[in-house]
Amino acid sequence: MEGSSERRPWSRDEHILAFNLYCKISFGTIHMRNPRVIELASSIGRTVGAVSYKLANFARLDPSLQARGIRGLAHGAYGEVETWKEFCDDPESLAYESERLLADRLGKPIEMTAEISETDLPKEGLERESIVRQRVNQQFFRKAVLAAYDCACCITGIAVSDLLVASHIAPWAIDKKNRMNPRNGLCLNALHGNRSRVAHNLNGKWTVNLEILGDFACYRCTSESAIIPLARFATWQAS
């Protein structure tokens, strides 16, 4: 059974589900012992080795890894390129679709799999759908940013997940194109850090305070992170 399943071409949905997981785990945890890799393999009917291999294929497309001299596997499938491009072109749509597909595969409501609170949600209707979509995408962004920083505050090193926040450099409300771009995020702790301390707005220009970040650049280059913030976000100009 497993042998025949691995000869089966990967579908678009399977590529999107693999991409979803790739965004949520650090590069150093892409291996066959990772419980999340095992869970995804089970949900899509693939071997754990095949899923691990697919995640490594996505790594070859990641510019942040390329900047660190990590190339991933040399060869991959066209589906990985298409999925990566689709996320770059419309990150909000693909992020939500990936979460919806994951919920469908696990047979659970998307509110549950995305771990969003339902206490203040409208009972039903278009307003609920709109709020759920926004919160699902915000959770996707948070998980991707935390994975990129190995679940540790980039200033203090605090590694308690419940205390960490994913803060946008270019603000969510202003830079729509990069709302879901994890490289537009900083992992900060809610007790001591927020973007207002790390980045300052002067005449519509957000500038990252490198003195406050301290060893941030060194930390990010040596960690086994999946994503590094794009250099252009260090100085972000509102258009």
C-alpha atoms as a PDB file:
ATOM      1  CA  MET A   1       0.000   0.000   0.000  1.00  0.00           C
ATOM      2  CA  GLU A   2       2.685   2.507   0.967  1.00  0.00           C
ATOM      3  CA  GLY A   3       4.730   1.783  -2.108  1.00  0.00           C
ATOM      4  CA  SER A   4       1.790   2.440  -4.429  1.00  0.00           C
ATOM      5  CA  SER A   5       0.842   5.611  -2.533  1.00  0.00           C
ATOM      6  CA  GLU A   6       4.321   7.051  -3.055  1.00  0.00           C
ATOM      7  CA  ARG A   7       4.049   6.493  -6.805  1.00  0.00           C
ATOM      8  CA  ARG A   8       0.828   8.521  -6.770  1.00  0.00           C
ATOM      9  CA  PRO A   9       1.447  12.112  -7.919  1.00  0.00           C
ATOM     10  CA  TRP A  10       1.076  14.761  -5.262  1.00  0.00           C
ATOM     11  CA  SER A  11      -2.135  16.739  -5.707  1.00  0.00           C
ATOM     12  CA  ARG A  12      -2.446  20.501  -5.352  1.00  0.00           C
ATOM     13  CA  ASP A  13      -4.220  20.049  -2.000  1.00  0.00           C
ATOM     14  CA  GLU A  14      -1.411  17.855  -0.699  1.00  0.00           C
ATOM     15  CA  HIS A  15       1.187  20.405  -1.742  1.00  0.00           C
ATOM     16  CA  ILE A  16      -0.734  23.153   0.056  1.00  0.00           C
ATOM     17  CA  LEU A  17      -1.016  21.049   3.210  1.00  0.00           C
ATOM     18  CA  ALA A  18       2.721  20.345   3.123  1.00  0.00           C
ATOM     19  CA  PHE A  19       3.416  24.055   2.644  1.00  0.00           C
ATOM     20  CA  ASN A  20       1.200  24.827   5.635  1.00  0.00           C
ATOM     21  CA  LEU A  21       3.312  22.581   7.823  1.00  0.00           C
ATOM     22  CA  TYR A  22       6.561  23.879   6.334  1.00  0.00           C
ATOM     23  CA  CYS A  23       5.616  27.380   7.480  1.00  0.00           C
ATOM     24  CA  LYS A  24       4.867  26.224  11.028  1.00  0.00           C
ATOM     25  CA  ILE A  25       7.964  24.215  11.910  1.00  0.00           C
ATOM     26  CA  SER A  26      11.601  25.231  11.957  1.00  0.00           C
ATOM     27  CA  PHE A  27      13.955  23.848   9.327  1.00  0.00           C
ATOM     28  CA  GLY A  28      15.859  21.786  11.866  1.00  0.00           C
ATOM     29  CA  THR A  29      12.709  19.832  12.789  1.00  0.00           C
ATOM     30  CA  ILE A  30      11.995  18.555   9.285  1.00  0.00           C
ATOM     31  CA  HIS A  31      12.589  14.872   9.953  1.00  0.00           C
ATOM     32  CA  MET A  32      10.674  11.616  10.254  1.00  0.00           C
ATOM     33  CA  ARG A  33      10.522  11.693  14.068  1.00  0.00           C
ATOM     34  CA  ASN A  34       8.579  14.946  14.213  1.00  0.00           C
ATOM     35  CA  PRO A  35       5.020  14.165  15.431  1.00  0.00           C
ATOM     36  CA  ARG A  36       3.559  16.852  13.185  1.00  0.00           C
ATOM     37  CA  VAL A  37       5.211  15.321  10.127  1.00  0.00           C
ATOM     38  CA  ILE A  38       3.830  11.949  11.189  1.00  0.00           C
ATOM     39  CA  GLU A  39       0.333  13.431  11.654  1.00  0.00           C
ATOM     40  CA  LEU A  40       0.327  15.041   8.217  1.00  0.00           C
ATOM     41  CA  ALA A  41       1.541  11.834   6.586  1.00  0.00           C
ATOM     42  CA  SER A  42      -1.303   9.922   8.208  1.00  0.00           C
ATOM     43  CA  SER A  43      -3.922  12.486   7.194  1.00  0.00           C
ATOM     44  CA  ILE A  44      -2.984  12.454   3.491  1.00  0.00           C
ATOM     45  CA  GLY A  45      -2.112   8.768   3.159  1.00  0.00           C
ATOM     46  CA  ARG A  46       1.606   9.226   2.560  1.00  0.00           C
ATOM     47  CA  THR A  47       4.628   7.716   4.240  1.00  0.00           C
ATOM     48  CA  VAL A  48       6.410   9.823   6.823  1.00  0.00           C
ATOM     49  CA  GLY A  49       9.537   9.720   4.680  1.00  0.00           C
ATOM     50  CA  ALA A  50       7.675  11.085   1.671  1.00  0.00           C
ATOM     51  CA  VAL A  51       6.265  14.021   3.659  1.00  0.00           C
ATOM     52  CA  SER A  52       9.654  14.793   5.181  1.00  0.00           C
ATOM     53  CA  TYR A  53      11.175  14.737   1.703  1.00  0.00           C
ATOM     54  CA  LYS A  54       8.463  17.048   0.381  1.00  0.00           C
ATOM     55  CA  LEU A  55       9.123  19.577   3.160  1.00  0.00           C
ATOM     56  CA  ALA A  56      12.817  19.514   2.319  1.00  0.00           C
ATOM     57  CA  ASN A  57      11.871  20.183  -1.299  1.00  0.00           C
ATOM     58  CA  PHE A  58      10.072  23.358  -0.208  1.00  0.00           C
ATOM     59  CA  ALA A  59      13.222  24.427   1.606  1.00  0.00           C
ATOM     60  CA  ARG A  60      15.073  24.744  -1.686  1.00  0.00           C
ATOM     61  CA  LEU A  61      12.703  27.590  -2.637  1.00  0.00           C
ATOM     62  CA  ASP A  62      13.094  29.548   0.601  1.00  0.00           C
ATOM     63  CA  PRO A  63      15.165  32.707   0.026  1.00  0.00           C
ATOM     64  CA  SER A  64      15.930  32.994   3.743  1.00  0.00           C
ATOM     65  CA  LEU A  65      17.619  29.597   3.725  1.00  0.00           C
ATOM     66  CA  GLN A  66      19.455  30.427   0.521  1.00  0.00           C
ATOM     67  CA  ALA A  67      20.827  33.541   2.235  1.00  0.00           C
ATOM     68  CA  ARG A  68      22.287  31.261   4.898  1.00  0.00           C
ATOM     69  CA  GLY A  69      23.800  28.905   2.334  1.00  0.00           C
ATOM     70  CA  ILE A  70      21.171  26.206   2.902  1.00  0.00           C
ATOM     71  CA  ARG A  71      19.745  24.958  -0.368  1.00  0.00           C
ATOM     72  CA  GLY A  72      17.502  22.077   0.658  1.00  0.00           C
ATOM     73  CA  LEU A  73      17.216  19.225  -1.809  1.00  0.00           C
ATOM     74  CA  ALA A  74      18.589  19.871  -5.269  1.00  0.00           C
ATOM     75  CA  HIS A  75      15.532  18.689  -7.175  1.00  0.00           C
ATOM     76  CA  GLY A  76      11.826  18.869  -6.556  1.00  0.00           C
ATOM     77  CA  ALA A  77       8.419  18.907  -8.160  1.00  0.00           C
ATOM     78  CA  TYR A  78       6.716  21.633 -10.152  1.00  0.00           C
ATOM     79  CA  GLY A  79       3.856  21.570  -7.624  1.00  0.00           C
ATOM     80  CA  GLU A  80       6.135  22.993  -4.943  1.00  0.00           C
ATOM     81  CA  VAL A  81       7.099  25.909  -7.186  1.00  0.00           C
ATOM     82  CA  GLU A  82       3.448  26.554  -8.041  1.00  0.00           C
ATOM     83  CA  THR A  83       2.382  26.506  -4.384  1.00  0.00           C
ATOM     84  CA  TRP A  84       5.211  28.804  -3.340  1.00  0.00           C
ATOM     85  CA  LYS A  85       4.350  31.222  -6.144  1.00  0.00           C
ATOM     86  CA  GLU A  86       0.665  31.125  -5.265  1.00  0.00           C
ATOM     87  CA  PHE A  87       1.461  32.088  -1.671  1.00  0.00           C
ATOM     88  CA  CYS A  88       3.694  34.952  -2.830  1.00  0.00           C
ATOM     89  CA  ASP A  89       0.989  36.219  -5.190  1.00  0.00           C
ATOM     90  CA  ASP A  90      -1.938  35.957  -2.749  1.00  0.00           C
ATOM     91  CA  PRO A  91      -0.741  34.944   0.732  1.00  0.00           C
ATOM     92  CA  GLU A  92      -4.034  35.606   2.531  1.00  0.00           C
ATOM     93  CA  SER A  93      -6.025  33.340   0.227  1.00  0.00           C
ATOM     94  CA  LEU A  94      -3.540  30.481   0.252  1.00  0.00           C
ATOM     95  CA  ALA A  95      -2.982  30.670   4.015  1.00  0.00           C
ATOM     96  CA  TYR A  96      -6.710  30.380   4.652  1.00  0.00           C
ATOM     97  CA  GLU A  97      -7.137  27.625   2.073  1.00  0.00           C
ATOM     98  CA  SER A  98      -4.328  25.651   3.705  1.00  0.00           C
ATOM     99  CA  GLU A  99      -6.043  25.922   7.095  1.00  0.00           C
ATOM    100  CA  ARG A 100      -9.397  24.919   5.613  1.00  0.00           C
ATOM    101  CA  LEU A 101      -7.851  21.882   3.932  1.00  0.00           C
ATOM    102  CA  LEU A 102      -6.166  20.909   7.191  1.00  0.00           C
ATOM    103  CA  ALA A 103      -9.454  21.132   9.082  1.00  0.00           C
ATOM    104  CA  ASP A 104     -11.188  19.022   6.443  1.00  0.00           C
ATOM    105  CA  ARG A 105      -8.478  16.341   6.574  1.00  0.00           C
ATOM    106  CA  LEU A 106      -8.615  16.172  10.367  1.00  0.00           C
ATOM    107  CA  GLY A 107     -12.417  16.188  10.387  1.00  0.00           C
ATOM    108  CA  LYS A 108     -12.597  19.143  12.770  1.00  0.00           C
ATOM    109  CA  PRO A 109     -14.007  22.691  12.580  1.00  0.00           C
ATOM    110  CA  ILE A 110     -11.484  25.235  11.330  1.00  0.00           C
ATOM    111  CA  GLU A 111     -12.007  27.235  14.514  1.00  0.00           C
ATOM    112  CA  MET A 112     -10.643  24.256  16.448  1.00  0.00           C
ATOM    113  CA  THR A 113      -7.696  23.357  14.241  1.00  0.00           C
ATOM    114  CA  ALA A 114      -6.637  27.008  13.933  1.00  0.00           C
ATOM    115  CA  GLU A 115      -7.009  27.420  17.708  1.00  0.00           C
ATOM    116  CA  ILE A 116      -9.153  30.535  17.675  1.00  0.00           C
ATOM    117  CA  SER A 117     -11.624  31.477  20.400  1.00  0.00           C
ATOM    118  CA  GLU A 118     -15.316  31.277  19.575  1.00  0.00           C
ATOM    119  CA  THR A 119     -16.588  33.035  22.691  1.00  0.00           C
ATOM    120  CA  ASP A 120     -17.171  36.413  21.034  1.00  0.00           C
ATOM    121  CA  LEU A 121     -17.975  35.216  17.516  1.00  0.00           C
ATOM    122  CA  PRO A 122     -21.399  35.818  15.961  1.00  0.00           C
ATOM    123  CA  LYS A 123     -23.477  32.659  15.837  1.00  0.00           C
ATOM    124  CA  GLU A 124     -23.581  32.506  12.037  1.00  0.00           C
ATOM    125  CA  GLY A 125     -23.649  34.534   8.842  1.00  0.00           C
ATOM    126  CA  LEU A 126     -21.254  36.581   6.737  1.00  0.00           C
ATOM    127  CA  GLU A 127     -19.935  38.563   9.703  1.00  0.00           C
ATOM    128  CA  ARG A 128     -18.853  35.370  11.449  1.00  0.00           C
ATOM    129  CA  GLU A 129     -17.225  34.049   8.271  1.00  0.00           C
ATOM    130  CA  SER A 130     -15.279  37.286   7.824  1.00  0.00           C
ATOM    131  CA  ILE A 131     -14.053  37.364  11.426  1.00  0.00           C
ATOM    132  CA  VAL A 132     -13.123  33.668  11.379  1.00  0.00           C
ATOM    133  CA  ARG A 133     -11.147  34.108   8.170  1.00  0.00           C
ATOM    134  CA  GLN A 134      -9.212  37.043   9.602  1.00  0.00           C
ATOM    135  CA  ARG A 135      -8.441  35.257  12.867  1.00  0.00           C
ATOM    136  CA  VAL A 136      -7.434  32.042  11.126  1.00  0.00           C
ATOM    137  CA  ASN A 137      -4.942  33.988   9.024  1.00  0.00           C
ATOM    138  CA  GLN A 138      -3.648  35.867  12.057  1.00  0.00           C
ATOM    139  CA  GLN A 139      -2.995  32.543  13.766  1.00  0.00           C
ATOM    140  CA  PHE A 140      -1.222  31.244  10.668  1.00  0.00           C
ATOM    141  CA  PHE A 141       1.016  34.315  10.709  1.00  0.00           C
ATOM    142  CA  ARG A 142       1.718  33.929  14.433  1.00  0.00           C
ATOM    143  CA  LYS A 143       2.653  30.271  14.117  1.00  0.00           C
ATOM    144  CA  ALA A 144       4.883  30.933  11.120  1.00  0.00           C
ATOM    145  CA  VAL A 145       6.721  33.780  12.853  1.00  0.00           C
ATOM    146  CA  LEU A 146       7.179  31.823  16.081  1.00  0.00           C
ATOM    147  CA  ALA A 147       8.543  28.869  14.106  1.00  0.00           C
ATOM    148  CA  ALA A 148      10.956  31.204  12.322  1.00  0.00           C
ATOM    149  CA  TYR A 149      12.354  32.339  15.673  1.00  0.00           C
ATOM    150  CA  ASP A 150      12.411  28.873  17.246  1.00  0.00           C
ATOM    151  CA  CYS A 151       9.620  30.024  19.590  1.00  0.00           C
ATOM    152  CA  ALA A 152      11.836  32.543  21.395  1.00  0.00           C
ATOM    153  CA  CYS A 153      11.641  36.315  21.758  1.00  0.00           C
ATOM    154  CA  CYS A 154      14.237  37.880  19.466  1.00  0.00           C
ATOM    155  CA  ILE A 155      15.191  40.422  22.144  1.00  0.00           C
ATOM    156  CA  THR A 156      15.009  38.664  25.519  1.00  0.00           C
ATOM    157  CA  GLY A 157      15.192  35.023  24.470  1.00  0.00           C
ATOM    158  CA  ILE A 158      12.048  34.185  26.470  1.00  0.00           C
ATOM    159  CA  ALA A 159      10.761  30.894  25.100  1.00  0.00           C
ATOM    160  CA  VAL A 160       7.320  30.579  26.712  1.00  0.00           C
ATOM    161  CA  SER A 161       4.864  30.268  23.832  1.00  0.00           C
ATOM    162  CA  ASP A 162       1.919  31.788  25.701  1.00  0.00           C
ATOM    163  CA  LEU A 163       3.947  34.950  26.304  1.00  0.00           C
ATOM    164  CA  LEU A 164       5.061  35.399  22.708  1.00  0.00           C
ATOM    165  CA  VAL A 165       3.466  37.602  20.073  1.00  0.00           C
ATOM    166  CA  ALA A 166       4.083  37.888  16.341  1.00  0.00           C
ATOM    167  CA  SER A 167       4.413  41.575  15.613  1.00  0.00           C
ATOM    168  CA  HIS A 168       4.323  43.031  12.112  1.00  0.00           C
ATOM    169  CA  ILE A 169       7.092  45.393  11.045  1.00  0.00           C
ATOM    170  CA  ALA A 170       5.046  46.906   8.231  1.00  0.00           C
ATOM    171  CA  PRO A 171       1.658  47.231  10.011  1.00  0.00           C
ATOM    172  CA  TRP A 172      -1.200  44.816   9.285  1.00  0.00           C
ATOM    173  CA  ALA A 173      -3.685  47.598   8.559  1.00  0.00           C
ATOM    174  CA  ILE A 174      -1.408  49.461   6.152  1.00  0.00           C
ATOM    175  CA  ASP A 175       0.626  46.924   4.179  1.00  0.00           C
ATOM    176  CA  LYS A 176      -2.033  44.489   2.964  1.00  0.00           C
ATOM    177  CA  LYS A 177       0.291  42.658   0.574  1.00  0.00           C
ATOM    178  CA  ASN A 178       2.616  41.596   3.384  1.00  0.00           C
ATOM    179  CA  ARG A 179       0.072  40.862   6.103  1.00  0.00           C
ATOM    180  CA  MET A 180       0.818  37.156   5.890  1.00  0.00           C
ATOM    181  CA  ASN A 181       4.509  37.410   5.014  1.00  0.00           C
ATOM    182  CA  PRO A 182       6.383  35.850   7.958  1.00  0.00           C
ATOM    183  CA  ARG A 183       9.488  37.783   6.947  1.00  0.00           C
ATOM    184  CA  ASN A 184       7.510  40.885   7.888  1.00  0.00           C
ATOM    185  CA  GLY A 185       7.316  39.656  11.469  1.00  0.00           C
ATOM    186  CA  LEU A 186       9.242  39.833  14.726  1.00  0.00           C
ATOM    187  CA  CYS A 187       8.765  37.370  17.558  1.00  0.00           C
ATOM    188  CA  LEU A 188       8.495  39.446  20.734  1.00  0.00           C
ATOM    189  CA  ASN A 189       7.351  38.710  24.270  1.00  0.00           C
ATOM    190  CA  ALA A 190       4.237  40.396  25.611  1.00  0.00           C
ATOM    191  CA  LEU A 191       5.899  41.371  28.902  1.00  0.00           C
ATOM    192  CA  HIS A 192       8.899  43.331  27.678  1.00  0.00           C
ATOM    193  CA  GLY A 193       8.645  43.850  23.945  1.00  0.00           C
ATOM    194  CA  ASN A 194       6.387  45.308  21.323  1.00  0.00           C
ATOM    195  CA  ARG A 195       6.878  46.776  17.900  1.00  0.00           C
ATOM    196  CA  SER A 196       6.636  50.345  19.227  1.00  0.00           C
ATOM    197  CA  ARG A 197       9.908  49.761  21.072  1.00  0.00           C
ATOM    198  CA  VAL A 198      11.590  47.921  18.231  1.00  0.00           C
ATOM    199  CA  ALA A 199      10.434  49.985  15.243  1.00  0.00           C
ATOM    200  CA  HIS A 200       9.772  53.699  15.090  1.00  0.00           C
ATOM    201  CA  ASN A 201       7.552  55.628  12.701  1.00  0.00           C
ATOM    202  CA  LEU A 202       8.993  58.869  11.378  1.00  0.00           C
ATOM    203  CA  ASN A 203       7.108  60.580   8.547  1.00  0.00           C
ATOM    204  CA  GLY A 204       5.474  57.326   7.496  1.00  0.00           C
ATOM    205  CA  LYS A 205       8.728  55.343   7.654  1.00  0.00           C
ATOM    206  CA  TRP A 206       9.155  52.397  10.032  1.00  0.00           C
ATOM    207  CA  THR A 207      12.772  51.794  11.017  1.00  0.00           C
ATOM    208  CA  VAL A 208      13.895  48.795  13.061  1.00  0.00           C
ATOM    209  CA  ASN A 209      15.980  49.831  16.066  1.00  0.00           C
ATOM    210  CA  LEU A 210      18.994  47.543  15.709  1.00  0.00           C
ATOM    211  CA  GLU A 211      20.458  48.737  19.009  1.00  0.00           C
ATOM    212  CA  ILE A 212      17.423  47.427  20.886  1.00  0.00           C
ATOM    213  CA  LEU A 213      17.545  44.184  18.933  1.00  0.00           C
ATOM    214  CA  GLY A 214      21.149  43.691  20.023  1.00  0.00           C
ATOM    215  CA  ASP A 215      22.359  40.291  18.838  1.00  0.00           C
ATOM    216  CA  PHE A 216      19.198  39.752  16.787  1.00  0.00           C
ATOM    217  CA  ALA A 217      20.993  39.448  13.442  1.00  0.00           C
ATOM    218  CA  CYS A 218      23.555  37.005  14.808  1.00  0.00           C
ATOM    219  CA  TYR A 219      20.897  34.954  16.559  1.00  0.00           C
ATOM    220  CA  ARG A 220      18.785  34.680  13.448  1.00  0.00           C
ATOM    221  CA  CYS A 221      21.691  33.634  11.241  1.00  0.00           C
ATOM    222  CA  THR A 222      22.783  30.839  13.546  1.00  0.00           C
ATOM    223  CA  SER A 223      19.375  29.452  14.546  1.00  0.00           C
ATOM    224  CA  GLU A 224      17.739  26.604  12.652  1.00  0.00           C
ATOM    225  CA  SER A 225      14.881  28.854  11.580  1.00  0.00           C
ATOM    226  CA  ALA A 226      12.715  28.393   8.548  1.00  0.00           C
ATOM    227  CA  ILE A 227      12.320  32.077   7.760  1.00  0.00           C
ATOM    228  CA  ILE A 228      14.432  35.219   8.148  1.00  0.00           C
ATOM    229  CA  PRO A 229      12.828  38.685   7.839  1.00  0.00           C
ATOM    230  CA  LEU A 230      13.555  40.269   4.477  1.00  0.00           C
ATOM    231  CA  ALA A 231      16.160  42.989   4.738  1.00  0.00           C
ATOM    232  CA  ARG A 232      13.851  45.513   3.110  1.00  0.00           C
ATOM    233  CA  PHE A 233      11.537  45.346   6.129  1.00  0.00           C
ATOM    234  CA  ALA A 234      14.320  46.697   8.353  1.00  0.00           C
ATOM    235  CA  THR A 235      13.437  50.056   6.840  1.00  0.00           C
ATOM    236  CA  TRP A 236       9.848  50.058   5.690  1.00  0.00           C
ATOM    237  CA  GLN A 237       8.435  53.002   3.758  1.00  0.00           C
ATOM    238  CA  ALA A 238       4.688  53.492   3.688  1.00  0.00           C
ATOM    239  CA  SER A 239       3.461  53.956   0.121  1.00  0.00           C
END
